[in-house]
């Protein structure tokens, strides 16, 4: 069992930055790939980025490549999402998720956080 708690969301102007954190608990949390998904208002949940259990592999959606960076600190059982050059289109609820395999689709993820709101004003 893995529990995930996101934090760091908020309101930011376009061009600004935010860093999201996802604290994972559970003895085997470090064995899981971790991903970020987001759900914009009125839209389906979409993949943002994922990092492998080892941290050696990262996978980004085209829409955030070059602007967002994922990292993990297994000593703290935490994964981070650094978001730079934010755009109004990045407005969404951001979810952290854990999977046995790194993947870009939601159904591969077994555990989910409650989400954190990110709002980017123009």
N, C-alpha and C. Protein backbone atom coordinates (compact mmCIF):
# COMPACT_ATOMS: atom_id res chain seq x y z
N UNK A 1 0.85 -1.19 0.00
CA UNK A 1 0.00 0.00 0.00
C UNK A 1 0.89 1.24 0.00
N UNK A 2 0.55 2.20 -0.86
CA UNK A 2 1.28 3.46 -0.94
C UNK A 2 0.28 4.61 -0.80
N UNK A 3 0.57 5.52 0.09
CA UNK A 3 -0.25 6.72 0.25
C UNK A 3 0.52 7.91 -0.32
N UNK A 4 -0.18 8.76 -1.03
CA UNK A 4 0.44 9.90 -1.70
C UNK A 4 -0.28 11.19 -1.30
N UNK A 5 0.51 12.21 -0.96
CA UNK A 5 -0.08 13.49 -0.58
C UNK A 5 0.65 14.60 -1.33
N UNK A 6 -0.09 15.32 -2.18
CA UNK A 6 0.49 16.42 -2.95
C UNK A 6 0.41 17.73 -2.19
N UNK A 7 1.32 18.62 -2.50
CA UNK A 7 1.30 19.97 -1.96
C UNK A 7 2.02 20.90 -2.92
N UNK A 8 1.86 22.19 -2.70
CA UNK A 8 2.60 23.17 -3.49
C UNK A 8 1.80 23.88 -4.56
N UNK A 9 0.54 23.49 -4.73
CA UNK A 9 -0.26 24.18 -5.72
C UNK A 9 -0.60 25.60 -5.30
N UNK A 10 -1.16 26.35 -6.23
CA UNK A 10 -1.54 27.72 -5.91
C UNK A 10 -1.83 28.51 -7.15
N UNK A 11 -1.88 29.82 -6.96
CA UNK A 11 -2.16 30.76 -8.05
C UNK A 11 -0.87 31.45 -8.45
N UNK A 12 -0.59 31.48 -9.73
CA UNK A 12 0.63 32.11 -10.23
C UNK A 12 0.32 32.81 -11.55
N UNK A 13 1.06 33.85 -11.84
CA UNK A 13 0.87 34.54 -13.11
C UNK A 13 1.58 33.78 -14.23
N UNK A 14 1.11 33.97 -15.44
CA UNK A 14 1.75 33.37 -16.60
C UNK A 14 3.23 33.76 -16.65
N UNK A 15 4.06 32.77 -16.95
CA UNK A 15 5.49 32.98 -16.96
C UNK A 15 6.16 32.66 -15.64
N UNK A 16 5.37 32.47 -14.61
CA UNK A 16 5.90 32.17 -13.30
C UNK A 16 6.22 30.70 -13.10
N UNK A 17 6.59 30.37 -11.88
CA UNK A 17 7.01 29.01 -11.55
C UNK A 17 6.32 28.52 -10.27
N UNK A 18 6.17 27.23 -10.18
CA UNK A 18 5.70 26.56 -8.97
C UNK A 18 6.44 25.25 -8.85
N UNK A 19 6.58 24.77 -7.62
CA UNK A 19 7.12 23.43 -7.41
C UNK A 19 6.12 22.62 -6.60
N UNK A 20 5.67 21.55 -7.21
CA UNK A 20 4.78 20.63 -6.51
C UNK A 20 5.60 19.53 -5.83
N UNK A 21 5.09 19.09 -4.71
CA UNK A 21 5.71 17.97 -4.01
C UNK A 21 4.67 16.87 -3.82
N UNK A 22 5.15 15.65 -3.78
CA UNK A 22 4.28 14.51 -3.51
C UNK A 22 5.01 13.62 -2.51
N UNK A 23 4.49 13.57 -1.31
CA UNK A 23 5.09 12.74 -0.27
C UNK A 23 4.45 11.36 -0.31
N UNK A 24 5.30 10.35 -0.42
CA UNK A 24 4.83 8.98 -0.48
C UNK A 24 5.12 8.27 0.83
N UNK A 25 4.19 7.50 1.29
CA UNK A 25 4.41 6.71 2.49
C UNK A 25 4.11 5.25 2.19
N UNK A 26 4.73 4.38 2.97
CA UNK A 26 4.62 2.96 2.70
C UNK A 26 6.02 2.41 2.50
N UNK A 27 6.24 1.22 3.01
CA UNK A 27 7.59 0.66 3.02
C UNK A 27 8.18 0.51 1.64
N UNK A 28 7.36 0.25 0.64
CA UNK A 28 7.88 -0.04 -0.68
C UNK A 28 7.71 1.10 -1.66
N UNK A 29 7.48 2.31 -1.14
CA UNK A 29 7.23 3.45 -2.03
C UNK A 29 8.38 3.66 -3.00
N UNK A 30 9.60 3.43 -2.57
CA UNK A 30 10.77 3.66 -3.43
C UNK A 30 10.84 2.67 -4.58
N UNK A 31 10.06 1.60 -4.53
CA UNK A 31 10.05 0.62 -5.60
C UNK A 31 9.10 0.98 -6.73
N UNK A 32 8.39 2.06 -6.59
CA UNK A 32 7.36 2.45 -7.56
C UNK A 32 7.84 3.57 -8.47
N UNK A 33 7.44 3.47 -9.73
CA UNK A 33 7.52 4.62 -10.61
C UNK A 33 6.47 5.63 -10.16
N UNK A 34 6.79 6.90 -10.31
CA UNK A 34 5.88 7.96 -9.88
C UNK A 34 5.57 8.87 -11.06
N UNK A 35 4.34 9.26 -11.15
CA UNK A 35 3.94 10.11 -12.25
C UNK A 35 3.08 11.27 -11.79
N UNK A 36 3.01 12.26 -12.63
CA UNK A 36 2.10 13.39 -12.44
C UNK A 36 1.10 13.41 -13.59
N UNK A 37 -0.13 13.56 -13.23
CA UNK A 37 -1.20 13.75 -14.19
C UNK A 37 -1.90 15.06 -13.83
N UNK A 38 -2.68 15.57 -14.77
CA UNK A 38 -3.45 16.77 -14.46
C UNK A 38 -4.82 16.69 -15.14
N UNK A 39 -5.76 17.37 -14.55
CA UNK A 39 -7.10 17.44 -15.12
C UNK A 39 -7.54 18.89 -15.21
N UNK A 40 -7.48 19.45 -16.42
CA UNK A 40 -7.94 20.82 -16.61
C UNK A 40 -9.45 20.90 -16.43
N UNK A 41 -9.96 22.08 -16.17
CA UNK A 41 -11.42 22.23 -15.98
C UNK A 41 -12.20 21.73 -17.18
N UNK A 42 -13.15 20.85 -16.95
CA UNK A 42 -14.00 20.36 -18.01
C UNK A 42 -13.35 19.39 -18.97
N UNK A 43 -12.14 18.93 -18.64
CA UNK A 43 -11.44 18.03 -19.56
C UNK A 43 -11.06 16.73 -18.85
N UNK A 44 -10.57 15.78 -19.66
CA UNK A 44 -10.14 14.50 -19.13
C UNK A 44 -8.78 14.63 -18.45
N UNK A 45 -8.51 13.69 -17.55
CA UNK A 45 -7.20 13.65 -16.92
C UNK A 45 -6.15 13.30 -17.98
N UNK A 46 -5.00 13.96 -17.92
CA UNK A 46 -3.96 13.74 -18.91
C UNK A 46 -2.60 13.55 -18.25
N UNK A 47 -1.78 12.79 -18.93
CA UNK A 47 -0.42 12.52 -18.46
C UNK A 47 0.44 13.77 -18.57
N UNK A 48 1.28 13.98 -17.57
CA UNK A 48 2.21 15.11 -17.59
C UNK A 48 3.65 14.60 -17.67
N UNK A 49 4.04 13.78 -16.71
CA UNK A 49 5.43 13.33 -16.63
C UNK A 49 5.50 12.13 -15.70
N UNK A 50 6.51 11.28 -15.89
CA UNK A 50 6.74 10.14 -15.01
C UNK A 50 8.23 9.93 -14.82
N UNK A 51 8.56 9.31 -13.70
CA UNK A 51 9.94 8.99 -13.40
C UNK A 51 9.99 7.54 -12.93
N UNK A 52 11.00 6.82 -13.39
CA UNK A 52 11.11 5.41 -13.04
C UNK A 52 11.47 5.24 -11.57
N UNK A 53 11.34 4.01 -11.09
CA UNK A 53 11.65 3.72 -9.69
C UNK A 53 13.11 4.05 -9.37
N UNK A 54 13.98 3.82 -10.31
CA UNK A 54 15.40 4.10 -10.09
C UNK A 54 15.72 5.57 -10.22
N UNK A 55 14.82 6.31 -10.84
CA UNK A 55 15.08 7.72 -11.10
C UNK A 55 15.87 7.96 -12.37
N UNK A 56 16.26 6.85 -13.02
CA UNK A 56 17.10 6.99 -14.20
C UNK A 56 16.34 7.29 -15.48
N UNK A 57 15.04 7.13 -15.45
CA UNK A 57 14.26 7.39 -16.65
C UNK A 57 13.15 8.38 -16.37
N UNK A 58 13.03 9.37 -17.24
CA UNK A 58 11.96 10.35 -17.11
C UNK A 58 11.26 10.49 -18.45
N UNK A 59 9.97 10.73 -18.41
CA UNK A 59 9.16 10.77 -19.62
C UNK A 59 8.19 11.93 -19.50
N UNK A 60 8.20 12.79 -20.50
CA UNK A 60 7.42 14.01 -20.45
C UNK A 60 6.39 14.06 -21.57
N UNK A 61 5.27 14.65 -21.26
CA UNK A 61 4.31 14.98 -22.31
C UNK A 61 4.91 16.11 -23.15
N UNK A 62 4.60 16.12 -24.43
CA UNK A 62 5.15 17.15 -25.33
C UNK A 62 4.79 18.55 -24.85
N UNK A 63 3.62 18.69 -24.26
CA UNK A 63 3.15 20.02 -23.87
C UNK A 63 3.96 20.64 -22.73
N UNK A 64 4.71 19.83 -21.99
CA UNK A 64 5.48 20.36 -20.86
C UNK A 64 6.98 20.16 -21.02
N UNK A 65 7.40 19.44 -22.03
CA UNK A 65 8.82 19.20 -22.26
C UNK A 65 9.58 20.51 -22.33
N UNK A 66 10.66 20.59 -21.57
CA UNK A 66 11.47 21.80 -21.56
C UNK A 66 11.02 22.84 -20.56
N UNK A 67 9.82 22.68 -20.00
CA UNK A 67 9.32 23.64 -19.00
C UNK A 67 9.20 23.01 -17.63
N UNK A 68 8.85 21.73 -17.59
CA UNK A 68 8.66 21.01 -16.33
C UNK A 68 9.80 20.04 -16.11
N UNK A 69 10.14 19.82 -14.84
CA UNK A 69 11.18 18.86 -14.49
C UNK A 69 10.72 18.02 -13.31
N UNK A 70 10.80 16.72 -13.46
CA UNK A 70 10.45 15.81 -12.37
C UNK A 70 11.73 15.30 -11.72
N UNK A 71 11.68 15.12 -10.42
CA UNK A 71 12.81 14.53 -9.70
C UNK A 71 12.25 13.79 -8.49
N UNK A 72 13.06 12.91 -7.96
CA UNK A 72 12.61 12.17 -6.76
C UNK A 72 13.75 12.10 -5.76
N UNK A 73 13.39 12.14 -4.51
CA UNK A 73 14.34 12.01 -3.41
C UNK A 73 13.83 10.85 -2.56
N UNK A 74 14.37 9.68 -2.77
CA UNK A 74 13.87 8.50 -2.07
C UNK A 74 14.21 8.53 -0.58
N UNK A 75 15.23 9.29 -0.21
CA UNK A 75 15.53 9.42 1.22
C UNK A 75 14.39 10.13 1.93
N UNK A 76 13.69 11.00 1.20
CA UNK A 76 12.56 11.72 1.77
C UNK A 76 11.23 11.16 1.27
N UNK A 77 11.30 10.11 0.46
CA UNK A 77 10.07 9.53 -0.12
C UNK A 77 9.22 10.61 -0.78
N UNK A 78 9.85 11.45 -1.54
CA UNK A 78 9.16 12.58 -2.14
C UNK A 78 9.54 12.71 -3.61
N UNK A 79 8.55 13.03 -4.43
CA UNK A 79 8.79 13.36 -5.82
C UNK A 79 8.39 14.81 -6.02
N UNK A 80 9.14 15.50 -6.85
CA UNK A 80 8.92 16.92 -7.08
C UNK A 80 8.59 17.16 -8.55
N UNK A 81 7.81 18.20 -8.77
CA UNK A 81 7.54 18.66 -10.12
C UNK A 81 7.82 20.15 -10.15
N UNK A 82 8.94 20.51 -10.76
CA UNK A 82 9.28 21.92 -10.94
C UNK A 82 8.65 22.39 -12.24
N UNK A 83 7.81 23.40 -12.13
CA UNK A 83 7.08 23.91 -13.29
C UNK A 83 7.51 25.34 -13.55
N UNK A 84 8.11 25.57 -14.69
CA UNK A 84 8.57 26.90 -15.08
C UNK A 84 7.81 27.37 -16.32
N UNK A 85 7.88 28.65 -16.58
CA UNK A 85 7.24 29.23 -17.75
C UNK A 85 5.78 28.79 -17.85
N UNK A 86 5.09 28.90 -16.75
CA UNK A 86 3.71 28.43 -16.71
C UNK A 86 2.82 29.24 -17.63
N UNK A 87 1.85 28.54 -18.19
CA UNK A 87 0.90 29.13 -19.12
C UNK A 87 -0.51 28.92 -18.58
N UNK A 88 -1.44 29.77 -18.98
CA UNK A 88 -2.83 29.56 -18.52
C UNK A 88 -3.35 28.15 -18.85
N UNK A 89 -2.85 27.56 -19.92
CA UNK A 89 -3.28 26.21 -20.30
C UNK A 89 -2.79 25.15 -19.32
N UNK A 90 -1.88 25.51 -18.43
CA UNK A 90 -1.42 24.56 -17.41
C UNK A 90 -2.36 24.51 -16.21
N UNK A 91 -3.36 25.37 -16.20
CA UNK A 91 -4.32 25.37 -15.10
C UNK A 91 -5.03 24.03 -15.03
N UNK A 92 -4.97 23.41 -13.86
CA UNK A 92 -5.54 22.07 -13.69
C UNK A 92 -5.38 21.63 -12.24
N UNK A 93 -6.05 20.55 -11.91
CA UNK A 93 -5.74 19.83 -10.68
C UNK A 93 -4.65 18.83 -11.02
N UNK A 94 -3.58 18.87 -10.27
CA UNK A 94 -2.44 18.00 -10.52
C UNK A 94 -2.45 16.85 -9.51
N UNK A 95 -2.30 15.64 -10.05
CA UNK A 95 -2.33 14.43 -9.24
C UNK A 95 -1.01 13.70 -9.34
N UNK A 96 -0.57 13.20 -8.22
CA UNK A 96 0.58 12.32 -8.14
C UNK A 96 0.06 10.88 -8.13
N UNK A 97 0.80 9.98 -8.77
CA UNK A 97 0.36 8.59 -8.83
C UNK A 97 1.56 7.66 -8.81
N UNK A 98 1.34 6.44 -8.35
CA UNK A 98 2.41 5.45 -8.24
C UNK A 98 2.04 4.20 -9.03
N UNK A 99 3.04 3.66 -9.70
CA UNK A 99 2.82 2.49 -10.53
C UNK A 99 4.00 1.53 -10.40
N UNK A 100 3.74 0.25 -10.60
CA UNK A 100 4.83 -0.73 -10.59
C UNK A 100 5.73 -0.58 -11.81
N UNK A 101 5.18 -0.02 -12.88
CA UNK A 101 5.97 0.22 -14.08
C UNK A 101 5.76 1.65 -14.53
N UNK A 102 6.81 2.26 -15.06
CA UNK A 102 6.67 3.63 -15.54
C UNK A 102 5.79 3.63 -16.77
N UNK A 103 4.82 4.52 -16.80
CA UNK A 103 3.83 4.51 -17.86
C UNK A 103 3.24 5.89 -18.05
N UNK A 104 2.66 6.09 -19.22
CA UNK A 104 2.06 7.37 -19.54
C UNK A 104 0.55 7.33 -19.60
N UNK A 105 -0.03 6.28 -19.06
CA UNK A 105 -1.48 6.16 -19.08
C UNK A 105 -1.99 5.92 -17.66
N UNK A 106 -3.10 6.55 -17.35
CA UNK A 106 -3.60 6.54 -15.97
C UNK A 106 -3.94 5.15 -15.46
N UNK A 107 -4.45 4.28 -16.32
CA UNK A 107 -4.91 2.99 -15.81
C UNK A 107 -3.77 2.08 -15.35
N UNK A 108 -2.53 2.46 -15.64
CA UNK A 108 -1.39 1.68 -15.17
C UNK A 108 -0.99 2.03 -13.74
N UNK A 109 -1.59 3.06 -13.19
CA UNK A 109 -1.21 3.54 -11.87
C UNK A 109 -2.17 3.00 -10.81
N UNK A 110 -1.57 2.49 -9.74
CA UNK A 110 -2.34 1.81 -8.71
C UNK A 110 -2.78 2.73 -7.59
N UNK A 111 -1.99 3.76 -7.32
CA UNK A 111 -2.26 4.63 -6.18
C UNK A 111 -2.25 6.09 -6.64
N UNK A 112 -3.14 6.85 -6.04
CA UNK A 112 -3.31 8.25 -6.42
C UNK A 112 -3.41 9.14 -5.19
N UNK A 113 -2.88 10.36 -5.33
CA UNK A 113 -3.08 11.37 -4.32
C UNK A 113 -4.42 12.07 -4.51
N UNK A 114 -4.69 13.02 -3.65
CA UNK A 114 -5.97 13.71 -3.69
C UNK A 114 -5.98 14.88 -4.66
N UNK A 115 -4.82 15.28 -5.11
CA UNK A 115 -4.71 16.37 -6.08
C UNK A 115 -4.44 17.72 -5.43
N UNK A 116 -3.82 18.58 -6.21
CA UNK A 116 -3.57 19.96 -5.77
C UNK A 116 -3.85 20.89 -6.94
N UNK A 117 -4.51 22.00 -6.64
CA UNK A 117 -4.94 22.91 -7.70
C UNK A 117 -3.81 23.85 -8.10
N UNK A 118 -3.60 23.97 -9.40
CA UNK A 118 -2.68 24.95 -9.96
C UNK A 118 -3.48 25.86 -10.88
N UNK A 119 -3.41 27.13 -10.63
CA UNK A 119 -4.11 28.11 -11.45
C UNK A 119 -3.12 29.13 -11.97
N UNK A 120 -3.09 29.28 -13.29
CA UNK A 120 -2.17 30.22 -13.93
C UNK A 120 -3.01 31.32 -14.56
N UNK A 121 -2.80 32.54 -14.10
CA UNK A 121 -3.56 33.67 -14.62
C UNK A 121 -2.81 34.33 -15.77
N UNK A 122 -3.57 34.85 -16.70
CA UNK A 122 -2.95 35.49 -17.88
C UNK A 122 -2.67 36.97 -17.63
